[in-house]
Amino acid sequence: MGTASRRVFLLQVAAAGTAVAAVAATAPAARAAAVALDPKDPQAVALGYVTDTRQANQAKYPNHTPAQKCATCQLFGGAPGAAEGPCPIYAGRLVQSGGWCSSWIKKAG
């Protein structure tokens, strides 16, 4: 490897490290800027989202059980015990941990 190639490589590594650090620093800010999902949002309505799992439409979703909550869903991005957290189904908007929608998938483990 020549001196010029090594220099270019080291500059690329430094630039990549800076980019990774910048993305990591903005992640908490992006979570703080997230807004709660409105149950009247068209996508939320289409998926039967409710902020309280006990309010789920049992006639429309007969397989729903009260144990199915966003907090127990594989897709829930909130910390354990958090009141709300992001959900990729709703473009990262915050869902209530006690909520539910028809996209619920049992959390592994």
C-alpha atoms as a PDB file:
ATOM      1  CA  MET A   1       0.000   0.000   0.000  1.00  0.00           C
ATOM      2  CA  GLY A   2       1.454   3.350  -1.016  1.00  0.00           C
ATOM      3  CA  THR A   3       1.666   6.414   1.220  1.00  0.00           C
ATOM      4  CA  ALA A   4      -1.117   8.168  -0.712  1.00  0.00           C
ATOM      5  CA  SER A   5      -3.403   5.125  -0.470  1.00  0.00           C
ATOM      6  CA  ARG A   6      -2.759   4.814   3.253  1.00  0.00           C
ATOM      7  CA  ARG A   7      -3.504   8.517   3.753  1.00  0.00           C
ATOM      8  CA  VAL A   8      -6.781   8.235   1.808  1.00  0.00           C
ATOM      9  CA  PHE A   9      -7.737   5.152   3.796  1.00  0.00           C
ATOM     10  CA  LEU A  10      -7.072   6.861   7.138  1.00  0.00           C
ATOM     11  CA  LEU A  11      -9.085   9.905   6.065  1.00  0.00           C
ATOM     12  CA  GLN A  12     -11.987   7.649   5.087  1.00  0.00           C
ATOM     13  CA  VAL A  13     -11.868   5.840   8.435  1.00  0.00           C
ATOM     14  CA  ALA A  14     -11.855   9.168  10.287  1.00  0.00           C
ATOM     15  CA  ALA A  15     -14.794  10.455   8.232  1.00  0.00           C
ATOM     16  CA  ALA A  16     -16.780   7.252   8.829  1.00  0.00           C
ATOM     17  CA  GLY A  17     -16.133   7.465  12.576  1.00  0.00           C
ATOM     18  CA  THR A  18     -17.360  11.050  12.640  1.00  0.00           C
ATOM     19  CA  ALA A  19     -20.520  10.097  10.721  1.00  0.00           C
ATOM     20  CA  VAL A  20     -21.285   7.243  13.123  1.00  0.00           C
ATOM     21  CA  ALA A  21     -20.785   9.528  16.128  1.00  0.00           C
ATOM     22  CA  ALA A  22     -23.095  12.159  14.627  1.00  0.00           C
ATOM     23  CA  VAL A  23     -25.864   9.614  14.003  1.00  0.00           C
ATOM     24  CA  ALA A  24     -25.526   8.194  17.524  1.00  0.00           C
ATOM     25  CA  ALA A  25     -25.717  11.680  19.030  1.00  0.00           C
ATOM     26  CA  THR A  26     -28.931  12.537  17.171  1.00  0.00           C
ATOM     27  CA  ALA A  27     -30.776   9.300  18.045  1.00  0.00           C
ATOM     28  CA  PRO A  28     -31.869  10.436  21.553  1.00  0.00           C
ATOM     29  CA  ALA A  29     -32.965  13.797  20.130  1.00  0.00           C
ATOM     30  CA  ALA A  30     -35.048  12.046  17.480  1.00  0.00           C
ATOM     31  CA  ARG A  31     -36.771   9.945  20.140  1.00  0.00           C
ATOM     32  CA  ALA A  32     -37.459  13.058  22.210  1.00  0.00           C
ATOM     33  CA  ALA A  33     -39.028  14.726  19.173  1.00  0.00           C
ATOM     34  CA  ALA A  34     -41.344  11.775  18.454  1.00  0.00           C
ATOM     35  CA  VAL A  35     -45.034  12.392  18.983  1.00  0.00           C
ATOM     36  CA  ALA A  36     -47.724  10.111  20.357  1.00  0.00           C
ATOM     37  CA  LEU A  37     -49.783   8.209  17.823  1.00  0.00           C
ATOM     38  CA  ASP A  38     -53.291   9.601  17.502  1.00  0.00           C
ATOM     39  CA  PRO A  39     -55.807   6.708  17.629  1.00  0.00           C
ATOM     40  CA  LYS A  40     -57.783   8.608  14.958  1.00  0.00           C
ATOM     41  CA  ASP A  41     -54.840   8.516  12.531  1.00  0.00           C
ATOM     42  CA  PRO A  42     -55.975   6.647   9.373  1.00  0.00           C
ATOM     43  CA  GLN A  43     -53.277   3.994   9.731  1.00  0.00           C
ATOM     44  CA  ALA A  44     -54.093   3.523  13.426  1.00  0.00           C
ATOM     45  CA  VAL A  45     -57.791   3.156  12.593  1.00  0.00           C
ATOM     46  CA  ALA A  46     -57.021   0.644   9.825  1.00  0.00           C
ATOM     47  CA  LEU A  47     -55.015  -1.501  12.255  1.00  0.00           C
ATOM     48  CA  GLY A  48     -57.470  -1.159  15.141  1.00  0.00           C
ATOM     49  CA  TYR A  49     -55.000   0.715  17.386  1.00  0.00           C
ATOM     50  CA  VAL A  50     -56.298   1.612  20.838  1.00  0.00           C
ATOM     51  CA  THR A  51     -54.393   3.230  23.706  1.00  0.00           C
ATOM     52  CA  ASP A  52     -55.811   0.660  26.138  1.00  0.00           C
ATOM     53  CA  THR A  53     -55.869  -2.999  25.081  1.00  0.00           C
ATOM     54  CA  ARG A  54     -59.178  -3.488  26.908  1.00  0.00           C
ATOM     55  CA  GLN A  55     -60.810  -1.169  24.339  1.00  0.00           C
ATOM     56  CA  ALA A  56     -59.951  -3.401  21.361  1.00  0.00           C
ATOM     57  CA  ASN A  57     -62.901  -4.297  19.162  1.00  0.00           C
ATOM     58  CA  GLN A  58     -63.431  -7.918  20.195  1.00  0.00           C
ATOM     59  CA  ALA A  59     -65.999  -8.507  17.437  1.00  0.00           C
ATOM     60  CA  LYS A  60     -63.572  -7.364  14.737  1.00  0.00           C
ATOM     61  CA  TYR A  61     -60.506  -8.981  16.364  1.00  0.00           C
ATOM     62  CA  PRO A  62     -61.780 -12.188  18.037  1.00  0.00           C
ATOM     63  CA  ASN A  63     -58.243 -13.530  18.629  1.00  0.00           C
ATOM     64  CA  HIS A  64     -57.286 -10.504  20.737  1.00  0.00           C
ATOM     65  CA  THR A  65     -56.690 -11.108  24.442  1.00  0.00           C
ATOM     66  CA  PRO A  66     -56.143  -8.536  27.213  1.00  0.00           C
ATOM     67  CA  ALA A  67     -52.610  -9.893  27.680  1.00  0.00           C
ATOM     68  CA  GLN A  68     -51.719  -8.566  24.221  1.00  0.00           C
ATOM     69  CA  LYS A  69     -50.281  -5.085  24.787  1.00  0.00           C
ATOM     70  CA  CYS A  70     -47.805  -2.963  22.894  1.00  0.00           C
ATOM     71  CA  ALA A  71     -45.310  -3.547  25.722  1.00  0.00           C
ATOM     72  CA  THR A  72     -45.452  -7.313  25.020  1.00  0.00           C
ATOM     73  CA  CYS A  73     -45.148  -6.862  21.245  1.00  0.00           C
ATOM     74  CA  GLN A  74     -41.987  -7.704  19.330  1.00  0.00           C
ATOM     75  CA  LEU A  75     -42.228  -4.356  17.521  1.00  0.00           C
ATOM     76  CA  PHE A  76     -42.405  -2.142  20.639  1.00  0.00           C
ATOM     77  CA  GLY A  77     -39.245  -0.049  20.899  1.00  0.00           C
ATOM     78  CA  GLY A  78     -39.747   1.337  24.386  1.00  0.00           C
ATOM     79  CA  ALA A  79     -37.686   0.410  27.406  1.00  0.00           C
ATOM     80  CA  PRO A  80     -39.136  -2.182  29.802  1.00  0.00           C
ATOM     81  CA  GLY A  81     -41.607  -0.430  32.069  1.00  0.00           C
ATOM     82  CA  ALA A  82     -41.865   2.654  29.833  1.00  0.00           C
ATOM     83  CA  ALA A  83     -45.310   4.240  29.464  1.00  0.00           C
ATOM     84  CA  GLU A  84     -44.808   4.638  25.713  1.00  0.00           C
ATOM     85  CA  GLY A  85     -42.331   3.806  23.002  1.00  0.00           C
ATOM     86  CA  PRO A  86     -41.721   4.009  19.265  1.00  0.00           C
ATOM     87  CA  CYS A  87     -43.247   1.535  16.848  1.00  0.00           C
ATOM     88  CA  PRO A  88     -41.929   0.946  13.321  1.00  0.00           C
ATOM     89  CA  ILE A  89     -45.452   0.168  12.078  1.00  0.00           C
ATOM     90  CA  TYR A  90     -46.362   3.799  12.743  1.00  0.00           C
ATOM     91  CA  ALA A  91     -43.208   5.438  11.387  1.00  0.00           C
ATOM     92  CA  GLY A  92     -41.620   5.664  14.824  1.00  0.00           C
ATOM     93  CA  ARG A  93     -44.486   7.507  16.468  1.00  0.00           C
ATOM     94  CA  LEU A  94     -44.996   6.672  20.116  1.00  0.00           C
ATOM     95  CA  VAL A  95     -47.570   4.078  21.107  1.00  0.00           C
ATOM     96  CA  GLN A  96     -48.861   3.481  24.627  1.00  0.00           C
ATOM     97  CA  SER A  97     -47.319   0.447  26.322  1.00  0.00           C
ATOM     98  CA  GLY A  98     -50.816  -0.637  27.362  1.00  0.00           C
ATOM     99  CA  GLY A  99     -52.180  -0.126  23.856  1.00  0.00           C
ATOM    100  CA  TRP A 100     -52.802  -2.674  21.125  1.00  0.00           C
ATOM    101  CA  CYS A 101     -53.210  -3.020  17.360  1.00  0.00           C
ATOM    102  CA  SER A 102     -53.791  -5.895  14.971  1.00  0.00           C
ATOM    103  CA  SER A 103     -50.070  -5.956  14.082  1.00  0.00           C
ATOM    104  CA  TRP A 104     -49.266  -7.287  17.552  1.00  0.00           C
ATOM    105  CA  ILE A 105     -46.608 -10.025  17.530  1.00  0.00           C
ATOM    106  CA  LYS A 106     -45.661 -11.822  20.735  1.00  0.00           C
ATOM    107  CA  LYS A 107     -42.278 -10.696  22.013  1.00  0.00           C
ATOM    108  CA  ALA A 108     -39.703 -13.455  21.909  1.00  0.00           C
ATOM    109  CA  GLY A 109     -38.531 -14.810  25.206  1.00  0.00           C
END
